[in-house]
Amino acid sequence: MTKILGVVGSLRSRSHTRKLVALALEEAAAIGAETRLLNLEETPLPMFNPERRGADPVEQQVRELVVWADAFILGTPDYHGSMSGAMKNFLDFFWKEFTGKLFAYIVASHEKGLTVQDQLRTAVRQCYGWSLPYGIGFNGDAVFDGNDELIDEVVAERVRMLAHDLTVYGGLIHGQFLREIQNEPRAPGFARNFRP
């Protein structure tokens, strides 16, 4: 069973980003994934300081979730062509924990969010993580109605596709990574660099 952590970097109380990440997690759960949601508004990490790593109990709580996950959905608003500060701060705390895991991206944007998705892919690549070859960019005011119900079928279909692909390929990629670092000492792949 693939374990998927949705991470929401929007701090709005009525966040369309959070709503769409939650919908993607529901779709993943419906096809067999185990899912959890990390809402950085409700669970705020302290500002990353490399000299104080491990000192904060919230950091420890979040680290346990990150280690638990096989795959991630990162959701953030587009702020000036970049991810939110809360999302960047989250990414700053981890790297080894992301290795060999698959990531998907959901970006609330009036401009498709492509620049933000590229930045997320770059950050994850630097941590030796994998990314789906597509993401979801959406304008919340256009795809949700006044009751926060998703009304755009194109976006709904992309959410279903993302949930399926992350569930299937997240389990395959992380499972193979774990096999190579634990049971296949002669495997020539990149995972050999992370053997205990």
N, C-alpha and C. Protein backbone atom coordinates (compact mmCIF):
# COMPACT_ATOMS: atom_id res chain seq x y z
N MET A 1 0.84 -1.19 0.00
CA MET A 1 0.00 0.00 0.00
C MET A 1 0.89 1.25 0.00
N THR A 2 0.69 2.13 -0.95
CA THR A 2 1.46 3.37 -1.03
C THR A 2 0.97 4.36 0.03
N LYS A 3 1.94 4.96 0.73
CA LYS A 3 1.63 5.95 1.77
C LYS A 3 1.91 7.33 1.21
N ILE A 4 0.87 8.17 1.13
CA ILE A 4 0.99 9.49 0.50
C ILE A 4 0.74 10.58 1.53
N LEU A 5 1.67 11.52 1.60
CA LEU A 5 1.51 12.69 2.47
C LEU A 5 1.22 13.90 1.60
N GLY A 6 0.10 14.55 1.85
CA GLY A 6 -0.21 15.82 1.21
C GLY A 6 0.28 16.94 2.10
N VAL A 7 1.04 17.86 1.55
CA VAL A 7 1.59 18.99 2.30
C VAL A 7 1.03 20.27 1.71
N VAL A 8 0.36 21.07 2.54
CA VAL A 8 -0.27 22.30 2.07
C VAL A 8 0.49 23.51 2.59
N GLY A 9 1.01 24.30 1.65
CA GLY A 9 1.78 25.49 2.00
C GLY A 9 0.99 26.78 1.94
N SER A 10 -0.34 26.67 1.89
CA SER A 10 -1.20 27.86 1.93
C SER A 10 -1.63 28.10 3.37
N LEU A 11 -1.56 29.34 3.82
CA LEU A 11 -1.95 29.68 5.18
C LEU A 11 -3.32 30.33 5.25
N ARG A 12 -4.04 30.38 4.15
CA ARG A 12 -5.40 30.93 4.16
C ARG A 12 -6.35 29.97 4.89
N SER A 13 -7.28 30.55 5.64
CA SER A 13 -8.23 29.70 6.36
C SER A 13 -9.16 28.97 5.39
N ARG A 14 -9.55 29.62 4.28
CA ARG A 14 -10.37 28.96 3.25
C ARG A 14 -9.50 28.81 2.00
N SER A 15 -8.62 27.85 2.05
CA SER A 15 -7.63 27.68 1.00
C SER A 15 -8.13 26.73 -0.09
N HIS A 16 -8.13 27.21 -1.33
CA HIS A 16 -8.45 26.35 -2.46
C HIS A 16 -7.35 25.31 -2.67
N THR A 17 -6.11 25.69 -2.37
CA THR A 17 -5.00 24.73 -2.48
C THR A 17 -5.25 23.55 -1.56
N ARG A 18 -5.59 23.83 -0.31
CA ARG A 18 -5.84 22.77 0.66
C ARG A 18 -7.00 21.89 0.21
N LYS A 19 -8.03 22.51 -0.32
CA LYS A 19 -9.20 21.76 -0.78
C LYS A 19 -8.81 20.79 -1.91
N LEU A 20 -8.02 21.26 -2.87
CA LEU A 20 -7.66 20.40 -4.00
C LEU A 20 -6.70 19.28 -3.57
N VAL A 21 -5.76 19.59 -2.68
CA VAL A 21 -4.88 18.54 -2.16
C VAL A 21 -5.70 17.49 -1.42
N ALA A 22 -6.66 17.93 -0.61
CA ALA A 22 -7.52 16.99 0.11
C ALA A 22 -8.32 16.11 -0.85
N LEU A 23 -8.82 16.69 -1.93
CA LEU A 23 -9.55 15.91 -2.93
C LEU A 23 -8.64 14.87 -3.58
N ALA A 24 -7.40 15.26 -3.88
CA ALA A 24 -6.45 14.31 -4.47
C ALA A 24 -6.16 13.17 -3.49
N LEU A 25 -6.03 13.48 -2.22
CA LEU A 25 -5.81 12.43 -1.22
C LEU A 25 -7.02 11.50 -1.11
N GLU A 26 -8.22 12.06 -1.21
CA GLU A 26 -9.43 11.22 -1.18
C GLU A 26 -9.44 10.26 -2.37
N GLU A 27 -9.07 10.77 -3.54
CA GLU A 27 -9.03 9.92 -4.73
C GLU A 27 -7.98 8.82 -4.57
N ALA A 28 -6.83 9.16 -4.01
CA ALA A 28 -5.77 8.16 -3.80
C ALA A 28 -6.22 7.10 -2.79
N ALA A 29 -6.88 7.54 -1.73
CA ALA A 29 -7.37 6.59 -0.72
C ALA A 29 -8.41 5.64 -1.31
N ALA A 30 -9.21 6.15 -2.24
CA ALA A 30 -10.26 5.33 -2.85
C ALA A 30 -9.68 4.20 -3.70
N ILE A 31 -8.44 4.35 -4.14
CA ILE A 31 -7.82 3.27 -4.93
C ILE A 31 -6.75 2.53 -4.14
N GLY A 32 -6.75 2.71 -2.82
CA GLY A 32 -5.92 1.86 -1.98
C GLY A 32 -4.75 2.50 -1.27
N ALA A 33 -4.49 3.78 -1.50
CA ALA A 33 -3.38 4.43 -0.81
C ALA A 33 -3.76 4.73 0.64
N GLU A 34 -2.75 4.77 1.49
CA GLU A 34 -2.93 5.30 2.85
C GLU A 34 -2.49 6.75 2.79
N THR A 35 -3.32 7.67 3.28
CA THR A 35 -3.03 9.09 3.10
C THR A 35 -3.08 9.85 4.42
N ARG A 36 -2.30 10.90 4.45
CA ARG A 36 -2.32 11.85 5.57
C ARG A 36 -2.13 13.25 4.99
N LEU A 37 -2.61 14.24 5.74
CA LEU A 37 -2.50 15.64 5.32
C LEU A 37 -1.71 16.43 6.35
N LEU A 38 -0.71 17.15 5.88
CA LEU A 38 0.04 18.08 6.72
C LEU A 38 -0.32 19.49 6.29
N ASN A 39 -1.08 20.19 7.12
CA ASN A 39 -1.51 21.55 6.85
C ASN A 39 -0.56 22.48 7.61
N LEU A 40 0.28 23.21 6.89
CA LEU A 40 1.29 24.04 7.54
C LEU A 40 0.70 25.27 8.22
N GLU A 41 -0.59 25.53 8.01
CA GLU A 41 -1.26 26.57 8.79
C GLU A 41 -1.52 26.05 10.20
N GLU A 42 -1.96 24.81 10.31
CA GLU A 42 -2.27 24.22 11.61
C GLU A 42 -1.04 23.67 12.31
N THR A 43 -0.04 23.28 11.55
CA THR A 43 1.19 22.71 12.10
C THR A 43 2.37 23.53 11.57
N PRO A 44 2.55 24.74 12.08
CA PRO A 44 3.61 25.60 11.53
C PRO A 44 4.99 25.18 12.02
N LEU A 45 5.87 24.98 11.08
CA LEU A 45 7.27 24.72 11.43
C LEU A 45 7.95 26.02 11.83
N PRO A 46 8.92 25.95 12.73
CA PRO A 46 9.71 27.16 12.99
C PRO A 46 10.52 27.53 11.75
N MET A 47 11.01 28.74 11.68
CA MET A 47 11.88 29.11 10.56
C MET A 47 13.12 28.23 10.61
N PHE A 48 13.46 27.65 9.46
CA PHE A 48 14.59 26.73 9.41
C PHE A 48 15.88 27.42 9.82
N ASN A 49 16.57 26.82 10.75
CA ASN A 49 17.89 27.27 11.19
C ASN A 49 18.75 26.01 11.32
N PRO A 50 19.75 25.85 10.45
CA PRO A 50 20.53 24.61 10.47
C PRO A 50 21.24 24.36 11.80
N GLU A 51 21.44 25.40 12.58
CA GLU A 51 22.11 25.23 13.87
C GLU A 51 21.16 24.76 14.97
N ARG A 52 19.86 24.76 14.66
CA ARG A 52 18.87 24.33 15.66
C ARG A 52 18.06 23.12 15.20
N ARG A 53 18.59 22.39 14.24
CA ARG A 53 17.86 21.22 13.72
C ARG A 53 17.59 20.23 14.83
N GLY A 54 16.36 19.73 14.84
CA GLY A 54 15.98 18.72 15.82
C GLY A 54 15.58 19.26 17.17
N ALA A 55 15.62 20.58 17.35
CA ALA A 55 15.34 21.16 18.66
C ALA A 55 13.86 21.41 18.91
N ASP A 56 13.06 21.45 17.86
CA ASP A 56 11.66 21.82 18.00
C ASP A 56 10.77 20.58 17.94
N PRO A 57 9.80 20.44 18.85
CA PRO A 57 8.92 19.25 18.82
C PRO A 57 8.06 19.18 17.56
N VAL A 58 7.69 20.33 16.98
CA VAL A 58 6.90 20.30 15.73
C VAL A 58 7.75 19.72 14.61
N GLU A 59 9.02 20.09 14.57
CA GLU A 59 9.91 19.53 13.55
C GLU A 59 9.96 18.01 13.67
N GLN A 60 10.04 17.49 14.87
CA GLN A 60 10.07 16.04 15.07
C GLN A 60 8.77 15.39 14.60
N GLN A 61 7.65 16.02 14.89
CA GLN A 61 6.35 15.52 14.47
C GLN A 61 6.26 15.47 12.94
N VAL A 62 6.71 16.55 12.28
CA VAL A 62 6.66 16.61 10.83
C VAL A 62 7.66 15.61 10.23
N ARG A 63 8.83 15.48 10.82
CA ARG A 63 9.83 14.53 10.32
C ARG A 63 9.26 13.10 10.31
N GLU A 64 8.52 12.74 11.35
CA GLU A 64 7.93 11.40 11.40
C GLU A 64 6.97 11.19 10.23
N LEU A 65 6.19 12.21 9.89
CA LEU A 65 5.29 12.10 8.74
C LEU A 65 6.06 11.96 7.43
N VAL A 66 7.13 12.74 7.28
CA VAL A 66 7.94 12.71 6.06
C VAL A 66 8.60 11.34 5.90
N VAL A 67 9.14 10.80 6.97
CA VAL A 67 9.76 9.48 6.91
C VAL A 67 8.72 8.41 6.60
N TRP A 68 7.52 8.55 7.15
CA TRP A 68 6.43 7.60 6.92
C TRP A 68 6.05 7.51 5.45
N ALA A 69 6.07 8.62 4.73
CA ALA A 69 5.52 8.70 3.38
C ALA A 69 6.40 8.02 2.34
N ASP A 70 5.74 7.39 1.36
CA ASP A 70 6.39 6.88 0.15
C ASP A 70 6.36 7.93 -0.96
N ALA A 71 5.36 8.80 -0.90
CA ALA A 71 5.14 9.78 -1.97
C ALA A 71 4.45 11.00 -1.38
N PHE A 72 4.52 12.11 -2.12
CA PHE A 72 4.04 13.39 -1.61
C PHE A 72 3.21 14.12 -2.66
N ILE A 73 2.22 14.87 -2.18
CA ILE A 73 1.58 15.91 -2.97
C ILE A 73 1.94 17.22 -2.30
N LEU A 74 2.62 18.09 -3.01
CA LEU A 74 2.96 19.41 -2.48
C LEU A 74 2.00 20.42 -3.10
N GLY A 75 1.25 21.12 -2.25
CA GLY A 75 0.30 22.13 -2.71
C GLY A 75 0.69 23.49 -2.20
N THR A 76 0.76 24.46 -3.10
CA THR A 76 1.15 25.80 -2.71
C THR A 76 0.47 26.83 -3.61
N PRO A 77 0.20 28.01 -3.06
CA PRO A 77 -0.19 29.11 -3.95
C PRO A 77 1.03 29.64 -4.70
N ASP A 78 0.77 30.32 -5.77
CA ASP A 78 1.80 31.00 -6.56
C ASP A 78 1.92 32.42 -6.01
N TYR A 79 3.03 32.71 -5.36
CA TYR A 79 3.29 34.05 -4.84
C TYR A 79 4.44 34.66 -5.64
N HIS A 80 4.12 35.61 -6.50
CA HIS A 80 5.14 36.30 -7.32
C HIS A 80 5.99 35.32 -8.12
N GLY A 81 5.34 34.29 -8.66
CA GLY A 81 6.05 33.32 -9.48
C GLY A 81 6.86 32.31 -8.69
N SER A 82 6.60 32.20 -7.40
CA SER A 82 7.35 31.27 -6.57
C SER A 82 6.41 30.57 -5.59
N MET A 83 6.92 29.55 -4.93
CA MET A 83 6.14 28.85 -3.91
C MET A 83 6.00 29.72 -2.67
N SER A 84 5.07 29.36 -1.82
CA SER A 84 4.88 30.11 -0.58
C SER A 84 6.08 29.94 0.35
N GLY A 85 6.26 30.89 1.24
CA GLY A 85 7.35 30.80 2.22
C GLY A 85 7.20 29.58 3.11
N ALA A 86 5.96 29.23 3.45
CA ALA A 86 5.73 28.05 4.30
C ALA A 86 6.19 26.78 3.59
N MET A 87 5.94 26.67 2.27
CA MET A 87 6.38 25.48 1.53
C MET A 87 7.89 25.44 1.41
N LYS A 88 8.50 26.58 1.10
CA LYS A 88 9.97 26.61 0.99
C LYS A 88 10.60 26.24 2.33
N ASN A 89 10.04 26.75 3.42
CA ASN A 89 10.57 26.44 4.74
C ASN A 89 10.45 24.94 5.03
N PHE A 90 9.32 24.34 4.65
CA PHE A 90 9.15 22.89 4.80
C PHE A 90 10.24 22.15 4.05
N LEU A 91 10.47 22.51 2.80
CA LEU A 91 11.47 21.82 1.99
C LEU A 91 12.88 21.99 2.57
N ASP A 92 13.15 23.12 3.20
CA ASP A 92 14.48 23.37 3.76
C ASP A 92 14.84 22.38 4.86
N PHE A 93 13.85 21.84 5.55
CA PHE A 93 14.11 20.97 6.69
C PHE A 93 14.59 19.57 6.29
N PHE A 94 14.32 19.15 5.07
CA PHE A 94 14.54 17.75 4.71
C PHE A 94 15.33 17.62 3.42
N TRP A 95 16.03 16.55 3.26
CA TRP A 95 16.57 16.15 1.96
C TRP A 95 16.72 14.65 1.91
N LYS A 96 17.45 14.06 2.85
CA LYS A 96 17.65 12.62 2.82
C LYS A 96 16.32 11.88 2.92
N GLU A 97 15.39 12.45 3.66
CA GLU A 97 14.08 11.83 3.83
C GLU A 97 13.26 11.81 2.54
N PHE A 98 13.62 12.66 1.56
CA PHE A 98 12.93 12.71 0.28
C PHE A 98 13.51 11.75 -0.76
N THR A 99 14.69 11.24 -0.49
CA THR A 99 15.41 10.42 -1.47
C THR A 99 14.61 9.19 -1.87
N GLY A 100 14.51 8.96 -3.17
CA GLY A 100 13.84 7.77 -3.68
C GLY A 100 12.33 7.80 -3.56
N LYS A 101 11.76 8.97 -3.37
CA LYS A 101 10.30 9.10 -3.23
C LYS A 101 9.75 9.96 -4.37
N LEU A 102 8.48 9.76 -4.68
CA LEU A 102 7.83 10.45 -5.81
C LEU A 102 6.99 11.62 -5.32
N PHE A 103 7.03 12.71 -6.07
CA PHE A 103 6.33 13.94 -5.72
C PHE A 103 5.40 14.37 -6.85
N ALA A 104 4.27 14.95 -6.44
CA ALA A 104 3.33 15.58 -7.37
C ALA A 104 3.04 16.98 -6.86
N TYR A 105 2.64 17.87 -7.78
CA TYR A 105 2.51 19.29 -7.45
C TYR A 105 1.14 19.84 -7.84
N ILE A 106 0.57 20.62 -6.92
CA ILE A 106 -0.68 21.32 -7.14
C ILE A 106 -0.45 22.78 -6.79
N VAL A 107 -0.69 23.67 -7.75
CA VAL A 107 -0.38 25.09 -7.57
C VAL A 107 -1.59 25.95 -7.90
N ALA A 108 -2.01 26.73 -6.93
CA ALA A 108 -3.08 27.71 -7.15
C ALA A 108 -2.45 28.96 -7.75
N SER A 109 -2.90 29.32 -8.95
CA SER A 109 -2.25 30.42 -9.66
C SER A 109 -3.20 31.01 -10.69
N HIS A 110 -3.06 32.30 -10.92
CA HIS A 110 -3.77 32.95 -12.02
C HIS A 110 -2.98 32.83 -13.32
N GLU A 111 -1.77 32.24 -13.23
CA GLU A 111 -0.86 32.15 -14.39
C GLU A 111 -0.44 30.72 -14.68
N LYS A 112 -1.22 29.72 -14.34
CA LYS A 112 -0.97 28.29 -14.57
C LYS A 112 0.02 27.68 -13.57
N GLY A 113 0.84 28.48 -12.91
CA GLY A 113 1.74 27.96 -11.88
C GLY A 113 2.92 27.16 -12.40
N LEU A 114 3.27 27.30 -13.68
CA LEU A 114 4.34 26.49 -14.25
C LEU A 114 5.70 26.81 -13.65
N THR A 115 5.97 28.09 -13.40
CA THR A 115 7.24 28.47 -12.80
C THR A 115 7.37 27.87 -11.40
N VAL A 116 6.29 27.90 -10.66
CA VAL A 116 6.31 27.34 -9.30
C VAL A 116 6.55 25.84 -9.37
N GLN A 117 5.87 25.15 -10.29
CA GLN A 117 6.09 23.71 -10.42
C GLN A 117 7.54 23.40 -10.78
N ASP A 118 8.13 24.20 -11.64
CA ASP A 118 9.54 24.01 -11.99
C ASP A 118 10.43 24.19 -10.77
N GLN A 119 10.13 25.18 -9.94
CA GLN A 119 10.93 25.39 -8.73
C GLN A 119 10.79 24.23 -7.75
N LEU A 120 9.58 23.72 -7.62
CA LEU A 120 9.37 22.55 -6.75
C LEU A 120 10.14 21.35 -7.27
N ARG A 121 10.09 21.13 -8.59
CA ARG A 121 10.84 20.00 -9.18
C ARG A 121 12.34 20.16 -8.95
N THR A 122 12.84 21.38 -9.08
CA THR A 122 14.26 21.62 -8.87
C THR A 122 14.65 21.30 -7.43
N ALA A 123 13.86 21.77 -6.47
CA ALA A 123 14.16 21.52 -5.07
C ALA A 123 14.14 20.02 -4.77
N VAL A 124 13.13 19.33 -5.27
CA VAL A 124 13.01 17.89 -5.03
C VAL A 124 14.15 17.13 -5.71
N ARG A 125 14.50 17.53 -6.92
CA ARG A 125 15.61 16.87 -7.62
C ARG A 125 16.91 17.01 -6.83
N GLN A 126 17.13 18.17 -6.22
CA GLN A 126 18.34 18.38 -5.41
C GLN A 126 18.36 17.46 -4.18
N CYS A 127 17.18 16.97 -3.80
CA CYS A 127 17.06 16.05 -2.66
C CYS A 127 16.96 14.60 -3.13
N TYR A 128 17.24 14.35 -4.40
CA TYR A 128 17.23 13.01 -4.99
C TYR A 128 15.85 12.37 -4.96
N GLY A 129 14.82 13.22 -5.08
CA GLY A 129 13.45 12.73 -5.23
C GLY A 129 13.06 12.71 -6.69
N TRP A 130 11.96 12.03 -6.99
CA TRP A 130 11.40 11.92 -8.33
C TRP A 130 10.15 12.80 -8.41
N SER A 131 9.83 13.26 -9.62
CA SER A 131 8.63 14.07 -9.82
C SER A 131 7.78 13.48 -10.94
N LEU A 132 6.44 13.54 -10.77
CA LEU A 132 5.58 13.24 -11.90
C LEU A 132 5.89 14.22 -13.02
N PRO A 133 5.73 13.82 -14.27
CA PRO A 133 6.10 14.71 -15.38
C PRO A 133 5.07 15.80 -15.66
N TYR A 134 4.05 15.91 -14.83
CA TYR A 134 3.04 16.96 -14.98
C TYR A 134 2.58 17.34 -13.59
N GLY A 135 1.88 18.45 -13.49
CA GLY A 135 1.29 18.88 -12.23
C GLY A 135 -0.08 19.48 -12.52
N ILE A 136 -0.66 20.09 -11.50
CA ILE A 136 -1.94 20.75 -11.66
C ILE A 136 -1.79 22.21 -11.28
N GLY A 137 -2.04 23.08 -12.24
CA GLY A 137 -2.14 24.51 -11.98
C GLY A 137 -3.60 24.91 -12.13
N PHE A 138 -4.11 25.71 -11.21
CA PHE A 138 -5.54 26.04 -11.28
C PHE A 138 -5.80 27.41 -10.67
N ASN A 139 -6.84 28.05 -11.17
CA ASN A 139 -7.31 29.31 -10.62
C ASN A 139 -8.50 28.99 -9.72
N GLY A 140 -8.32 29.11 -8.43
CA GLY A 140 -9.34 28.69 -7.47
C GLY A 140 -10.68 29.35 -7.69
N ASP A 141 -10.69 30.63 -8.02
CA ASP A 141 -11.97 31.33 -8.21
C ASP A 141 -12.73 30.81 -9.42
N ALA A 142 -12.01 30.21 -10.37
CA ALA A 142 -12.66 29.72 -11.59
C ALA A 142 -13.10 28.27 -11.48
N VAL A 143 -12.47 27.48 -10.61
CA VAL A 143 -12.77 26.04 -10.59
C VAL A 143 -13.59 25.61 -9.38
N PHE A 144 -13.74 26.51 -8.39
CA PHE A 144 -14.60 26.22 -7.24
C PHE A 144 -15.78 27.18 -7.23
N ASP A 145 -16.93 26.70 -6.75
CA ASP A 145 -18.08 27.60 -6.62
C ASP A 145 -18.06 28.27 -5.24
N GLY A 146 -19.09 29.02 -4.92
CA GLY A 146 -19.14 29.76 -3.66
C GLY A 146 -19.20 28.88 -2.42
N ASN A 147 -19.52 27.60 -2.61
CA ASN A 147 -19.55 26.64 -1.50
C ASN A 147 -18.30 25.78 -1.44
N ASP A 148 -17.26 26.20 -2.16
CA ASP A 148 -15.99 25.47 -2.22
C ASP A 148 -16.14 24.07 -2.81
N GLU A 149 -17.07 23.92 -3.74
CA GLU A 149 -17.23 22.65 -4.45
C GLU A 149 -16.52 22.76 -5.80
N LEU A 150 -15.76 21.75 -6.16
CA LEU A 150 -15.06 21.74 -7.44
C LEU A 150 -16.07 21.60 -8.57
N ILE A 151 -16.06 22.56 -9.50
CA ILE A 151 -17.04 22.56 -10.59
C ILE A 151 -16.39 22.40 -11.96
N ASP A 152 -15.08 22.30 -12.02
CA ASP A 152 -14.37 22.19 -13.29
C ASP A 152 -14.01 20.72 -13.53
N GLU A 153 -14.64 20.09 -14.50
CA GLU A 153 -14.42 18.66 -14.74
C GLU A 153 -13.03 18.37 -15.28
N VAL A 154 -12.43 19.32 -16.01
CA VAL A 154 -11.07 19.11 -16.50
C VAL A 154 -10.10 19.01 -15.33
N VAL A 155 -10.24 19.91 -14.37
CA VAL A 155 -9.38 19.87 -13.18
C VAL A 155 -9.67 18.61 -12.37
N ALA A 156 -10.94 18.25 -12.25
CA ALA A 156 -11.30 17.03 -11.51
C ALA A 156 -10.66 15.80 -12.15
N GLU A 157 -10.63 15.74 -13.46
CA GLU A 157 -10.01 14.60 -14.15
C GLU A 157 -8.50 14.58 -13.91
N ARG A 158 -7.88 15.75 -13.90
CA ARG A 158 -6.43 15.80 -13.61
C ARG A 158 -6.15 15.37 -12.18
N VAL A 159 -7.02 15.71 -11.27
CA VAL A 159 -6.85 15.28 -9.87
C VAL A 159 -6.92 13.76 -9.81
N ARG A 160 -7.87 13.15 -10.50
CA ARG A 160 -7.99 11.69 -10.51
C ARG A 160 -6.74 11.05 -11.13
N MET A 161 -6.26 11.63 -12.21
CA MET A 161 -5.07 11.10 -12.88
C MET A 161 -3.85 11.20 -11.96
N LEU A 162 -3.67 12.36 -11.33
CA LEU A 162 -2.54 12.56 -10.42
C LEU A 162 -2.60 11.57 -9.27
N ALA A 163 -3.77 11.39 -8.68
CA ALA A 163 -3.93 10.46 -7.55
C ALA A 163 -3.58 9.04 -7.97
N HIS A 164 -4.06 8.63 -9.14
CA HIS A 164 -3.76 7.28 -9.65
C HIS A 164 -2.27 7.11 -9.86
N ASP A 165 -1.65 8.03 -10.60
CA ASP A 165 -0.24 7.88 -10.95
C ASP A 165 0.65 7.93 -9.71
N LEU A 166 0.32 8.80 -8.77
CA LEU A 166 1.14 8.90 -7.56
C LEU A 166 1.00 7.62 -6.73
N THR A 167 -0.20 7.07 -6.65
CA THR A 167 -0.41 5.83 -5.90
C THR A 167 0.35 4.67 -6.54
N VAL A 168 0.23 4.52 -7.85
CA VAL A 168 0.87 3.40 -8.54
C VAL A 168 2.38 3.56 -8.58
N TYR A 169 2.86 4.68 -9.12
CA TYR A 169 4.29 4.84 -9.33
C TYR A 169 5.04 5.20 -8.05
N GLY A 170 4.34 5.85 -7.11
CA GLY A 170 4.98 6.14 -5.82
C GLY A 170 5.37 4.87 -5.11
N GLY A 171 4.46 3.88 -5.11
CA GLY A 171 4.78 2.60 -4.48
C GLY A 171 5.88 1.85 -5.21
N LEU A 172 5.84 1.87 -6.55
CA LEU A 172 6.87 1.18 -7.33
C LEU A 172 8.25 1.78 -7.13
N ILE A 173 8.34 3.09 -7.24
CA ILE A 173 9.65 3.75 -7.16
C ILE A 173 10.25 3.61 -5.77
N HIS A 174 9.48 3.93 -4.74
CA HIS A 174 10.04 3.85 -3.39
C HIS A 174 10.30 2.40 -2.98
N GLY A 175 9.42 1.48 -3.41
CA GLY A 175 9.64 0.07 -3.11
C GLY A 175 10.94 -0.44 -3.71
N GLN A 176 11.20 -0.09 -4.97
CA GLN A 176 12.45 -0.51 -5.60
C GLN A 176 13.65 0.14 -4.94
N PHE A 177 13.53 1.41 -4.58
CA PHE A 177 14.62 2.09 -3.89
C PHE A 177 14.96 1.36 -2.59
N LEU A 178 13.94 1.01 -1.81
CA LEU A 178 14.18 0.30 -0.55
C LEU A 178 14.80 -1.07 -0.78
N ARG A 179 14.34 -1.79 -1.80
CA ARG A 179 14.93 -3.10 -2.10
C ARG A 179 16.41 -2.97 -2.43
N GLU A 180 16.75 -1.94 -3.19
CA GLU A 180 18.14 -1.80 -3.60
C GLU A 180 19.06 -1.38 -2.45
N ILE A 181 18.54 -0.64 -1.50
CA ILE A 181 19.43 -0.27 -0.39
C ILE A 181 19.46 -1.35 0.70
N GLN A 182 18.49 -2.26 0.69
CA GLN A 182 18.43 -3.27 1.75
C GLN A 182 18.85 -4.67 1.29
N ASN A 183 18.45 -5.07 0.10
CA ASN A 183 18.59 -6.47 -0.27
C ASN A 183 19.41 -6.75 -1.51
N GLU A 184 19.81 -5.75 -2.22
CA GLU A 184 20.54 -5.98 -3.48
C GLU A 184 21.86 -5.23 -3.45
N PRO A 185 22.82 -5.70 -2.67
CA PRO A 185 24.06 -4.95 -2.49
C PRO A 185 24.86 -4.74 -3.76
N ARG A 186 24.61 -5.57 -4.80
CA ARG A 186 25.39 -5.41 -6.03
C ARG A 186 24.67 -4.59 -7.08
N ALA A 187 23.44 -4.16 -6.80
CA ALA A 187 22.71 -3.37 -7.78
C ALA A 187 23.48 -2.09 -8.09
N PRO A 188 23.68 -1.77 -9.37
CA PRO A 188 24.52 -0.61 -9.72
C PRO A 188 23.80 0.72 -9.68
N GLY A 189 22.52 0.76 -9.33
CA GLY A 189 21.76 2.00 -9.39
C GLY A 189 22.17 3.03 -8.34
N PHE A 190 21.54 4.18 -8.47
CA PHE A 190 21.86 5.31 -7.59
C PHE A 190 21.62 5.01 -6.13
N ALA A 191 20.66 4.14 -5.83
CA ALA A 191 20.31 3.84 -4.44
C ALA A 191 21.49 3.29 -3.65
N ARG A 192 22.49 2.73 -4.32
CA ARG A 192 23.65 2.17 -3.60
C ARG A 192 24.34 3.22 -2.74
N ASN A 193 24.20 4.48 -3.10
CA ASN A 193 24.82 5.57 -2.32
C ASN A 193 24.15 5.78 -0.96
N PHE A 194 23.00 5.14 -0.75
CA PHE A 194 22.24 5.35 0.49
C PHE A 194 22.15 4.08 1.32
N ARG A 195 22.99 3.10 1.00
CA ARG A 195 23.00 1.88 1.82
C ARG A 195 23.56 2.17 3.21
N PRO A 196 22.96 1.55 4.25
CA PRO A 196 23.47 1.79 5.60
C PRO A 196 24.87 1.23 5.78
